Protein backbone atom coordinates (compact mmCIF):
# COMPACT_ATOMS: atom_id res chain seq x y z
CA UNK A 1 0.00 0.00 0.00
CA UNK A 2 1.32 3.45 -0.91
CA UNK A 3 1.97 5.85 1.96
CA UNK A 4 -0.72 8.57 2.12
CA UNK A 5 1.80 11.36 1.46
CA UNK A 6 2.62 9.85 -1.94
CA UNK A 7 -1.02 10.21 -3.03
CA UNK A 8 -1.13 14.01 -2.58
CA UNK A 9 -0.37 16.20 -5.61
CA UNK A 10 -1.40 19.46 -7.20
CA UNK A 11 -4.04 19.11 -9.87
CA UNK A 12 -1.49 20.38 -12.42
CA UNK A 13 0.92 17.57 -11.49
CA UNK A 14 -1.92 15.05 -11.79
CA UNK A 15 -2.94 16.44 -15.19
CA UNK A 16 0.65 16.03 -16.39
CA UNK A 17 0.78 12.49 -15.02
CA UNK A 18 -2.54 11.55 -16.61
CA UNK A 19 -1.38 13.04 -19.91
CA UNK A 20 1.35 10.37 -19.93
CA UNK A 21 -0.57 7.48 -18.31
CA UNK A 22 -4.30 8.22 -18.17
CA UNK A 23 -6.43 5.88 -16.06
CA UNK A 24 -8.97 4.22 -18.33
CA UNK A 25 -11.97 5.28 -16.24
CA UNK A 26 -10.93 8.09 -13.91
CA UNK A 27 -13.42 9.14 -11.23
CA UNK A 28 -13.24 12.53 -9.53
CA UNK A 29 -14.98 13.18 -6.21
CA UNK A 30 -14.86 16.47 -4.37
CA UNK A 31 -15.76 18.17 -1.13
CA UNK A 32 -14.55 19.84 2.04
CA UNK A 33 -13.99 16.75 4.24
CA UNK A 34 -13.09 18.62 7.42
CA UNK A 35 -14.67 16.12 9.82
CA UNK A 36 -14.50 12.77 8.06
CA UNK A 37 -17.33 10.40 9.01
CA UNK A 38 -18.92 7.15 7.85
CA UNK A 39 -20.82 8.88 5.06
CA UNK A 40 -17.55 10.07 3.56
CA UNK A 41 -16.02 6.58 3.83
CA UNK A 42 -19.01 5.10 1.97
CA UNK A 43 -18.90 7.90 -0.63
CA UNK A 44 -15.20 7.30 -1.37
CA UNK A 45 -15.63 3.52 -1.61
CA UNK A 46 -18.70 3.79 -3.85
CA UNK A 47 -17.06 6.43 -6.06
CA UNK A 48 -13.99 4.23 -6.51
CA UNK A 49 -16.18 1.33 -7.66
CA UNK A 50 -17.46 3.51 -10.53
CA UNK A 51 -14.07 3.46 -12.27
CA UNK A 52 -10.46 2.36 -12.32
CA UNK A 53 -8.93 5.18 -10.24
CA UNK A 54 -10.26 7.80 -7.82
CA UNK A 55 -9.05 11.35 -7.37
CA UNK A 56 -10.56 13.29 -4.47
CA UNK A 57 -10.34 17.08 -4.81
CA UNK A 58 -10.70 19.13 -1.62
CA UNK A 59 -11.75 22.74 -1.28
CA UNK A 60 -8.74 24.72 -0.09
CA UNK A 61 -9.10 26.65 3.18
CA UNK A 62 -10.18 29.94 1.58
CA UNK A 63 -12.84 28.32 -0.63
CA UNK A 64 -14.05 26.32 2.38
CA UNK A 65 -14.53 29.54 4.36
CA UNK A 66 -16.38 31.13 1.44
CA UNK A 67 -18.69 28.11 1.16
CA UNK A 68 -19.26 27.26 4.84
CA UNK A 69 -18.44 30.39 6.85
CA UNK A 70 -15.52 31.77 8.86
CA UNK A 71 -15.41 28.89 11.36
CA UNK A 72 -14.68 26.29 8.70
CA UNK A 73 -12.72 24.30 7.85
CA UNK A 74 -12.12 22.66 11.21
CA UNK A 75 -8.79 21.26 10.03
CA UNK A 76 -6.30 22.96 7.71
CA UNK A 77 -5.92 21.73 4.15
CA UNK A 78 -2.66 19.84 4.69
CA UNK A 79 -4.26 17.74 7.44
CA UNK A 80 -7.45 17.13 5.47
CA UNK A 81 -5.43 16.01 2.45
CA UNK A 82 -3.53 13.48 4.56
CA UNK A 83 -6.67 12.08 6.21
CA UNK A 84 -8.40 11.55 2.85
CA UNK A 85 -5.22 10.10 1.31
CA UNK A 86 -5.14 7.48 4.07
CA UNK A 87 -8.20 5.76 2.59
CA UNK A 88 -7.13 2.68 0.63
CA UNK A 89 -9.80 3.29 -2.04
CA UNK A 90 -8.43 6.80 -2.80
CA UNK A 91 -5.70 6.80 -5.45
CA UNK A 92 -4.82 10.52 -5.44
CA UNK A 93 -5.80 13.64 -3.52
CA UNK A 94 -5.61 17.22 -4.72
CA UNK A 95 -7.21 20.58 -3.94
CA UNK A 96 -8.82 23.58 -5.63
CA UNK A 97 -9.34 27.27 -4.73
CA UNK A 98 -12.40 28.04 -6.85
CA UNK A 99 -16.03 28.05 -5.64
CA UNK A 100 -16.76 24.92 -7.72
CA UNK A 101 -14.67 22.00 -8.93
CA UNK A 102 -15.36 22.87 -12.60
CA UNK A 103 -11.79 24.06 -13.40
CA UNK A 104 -10.42 20.85 -11.88
CA UNK A 105 -12.83 18.79 -13.99
CA UNK A 106 -11.57 20.58 -17.11
CA UNK A 107 -7.96 19.99 -16.15
CA UNK A 108 -8.18 16.32 -15.12
CA UNK A 109 -10.93 15.24 -17.56
CA UNK A 110 -12.38 12.33 -15.57
CA UNK A 111 -14.85 9.92 -17.13
CA UNK A 112 -17.06 10.16 -14.02
CA UNK A 113 -17.74 12.96 -11.53
CA UNK A 114 -18.94 11.35 -8.30
CA UNK A 115 -21.45 13.32 -6.26
CA UNK A 116 -23.25 12.41 -3.05
CA UNK A 117 -26.82 11.18 -2.89
CA UNK A 118 -28.05 14.66 -1.98
CA UNK A 119 -27.32 15.71 -5.60
CA UNK A 120 -28.89 15.03 -8.97
CA UNK A 121 -27.16 15.93 -12.25
CA UNK A 122 -29.59 18.83 -12.74
CA UNK A 123 -28.95 20.26 -9.23
CA UNK A 124 -25.18 20.59 -9.67
CA UNK A 125 -23.71 24.08 -9.98
CA UNK A 126 -24.08 25.49 -13.49
CA UNK A 127 -20.29 25.62 -13.96
CA UNK A 128 -20.00 21.89 -13.21
CA UNK A 129 -22.88 21.03 -15.54
CA UNK A 130 -21.19 23.03 -18.31
CA UNK A 131 -17.90 21.14 -17.80
CA UNK A 132 -19.79 17.83 -17.93
CA UNK A 133 -21.41 18.79 -21.25
CA UNK A 134 -18.15 20.11 -22.77
CA UNK A 135 -16.10 17.05 -21.86
CA UNK A 136 -18.71 14.28 -21.87
CA UNK A 137 -18.22 13.63 -18.15
CA UNK A 138 -20.86 11.39 -16.61
CA UNK A 139 -22.24 11.94 -13.11
CA UNK A 140 -22.00 8.98 -10.75
CA UNK A 141 -24.19 9.35 -7.67
CA UNK A 142 -22.22 7.68 -4.87
CA UNK A 143 -22.56 6.87 -1.20
CA UNK A 144 -25.41 6.21 1.15
CA UNK A 145 -28.39 8.44 1.95
CA UNK A 146 -27.27 11.80 3.26
CA UNK A 147 -28.29 11.43 6.91
CA UNK A 148 -24.96 12.29 8.53
CA UNK A 149 -23.70 15.74 7.58
CA UNK A 150 -20.59 17.34 9.02
CA UNK A 151 -22.55 20.49 9.93
CA UNK A 152 -25.01 18.39 11.94
CA UNK A 153 -22.17 16.56 13.71
CA UNK A 154 -20.57 19.87 14.68
CA UNK A 155 -23.85 21.08 16.20
CA UNK A 156 -24.24 17.81 18.10
CA UNK A 157 -20.68 17.97 19.45
CA UNK A 158 -21.19 21.56 20.62
CA UNK A 159 -24.52 20.69 22.26
CA UNK A 160 -23.02 17.73 24.09
CA UNK A 161 -20.14 19.90 25.28
CA UNK A 162 -22.61 22.49 26.61
CA UNK A 163 -24.52 19.78 28.49
CA UNK A 164 -21.39 18.73 30.34
CA UNK A 165 -20.33 22.23 31.43
CA UNK A 166 -21.37 23.55 34.86
CA UNK A 167 -24.57 25.51 34.32
CA UNK A 168 -25.07 23.88 30.91
CA UNK A 169 -28.26 22.21 29.76
CA UNK A 170 -29.17 19.03 31.64
């Protein structure tokens, strides 16, 4: 098994690598992944089954703050990259600064773009839909039903912490 650090690369380095040795059916998944949970594990495994190789692209810290607010991400990008790279089913991990993964799709040209079960092809951001049309990328809905979101886990952790503090809720 490759060490997790060897799976992390810029998207430009991956594009160069794939230009020389493209995976036959590359799958790209993307997200923030700042508190990895069972839903993420199932999403990665299911996405990987859709093709021959899986790249997971993470929002960088600035794009995560723009998307989720000033308190996110919980972990900095370098730590999130390493955690995701530790999954055996993940072949490579990269990151992107834009609001959507569309520029990364255009650069890496996967056969499949894996999205969670809370999405449908028609509900994806317009920029991603345009990249799919331009490049013939197919959407692969992956993972289990979305009933464990990071935002909900954060709220639950904070509530439980409040309950244990003196004067907190009982």
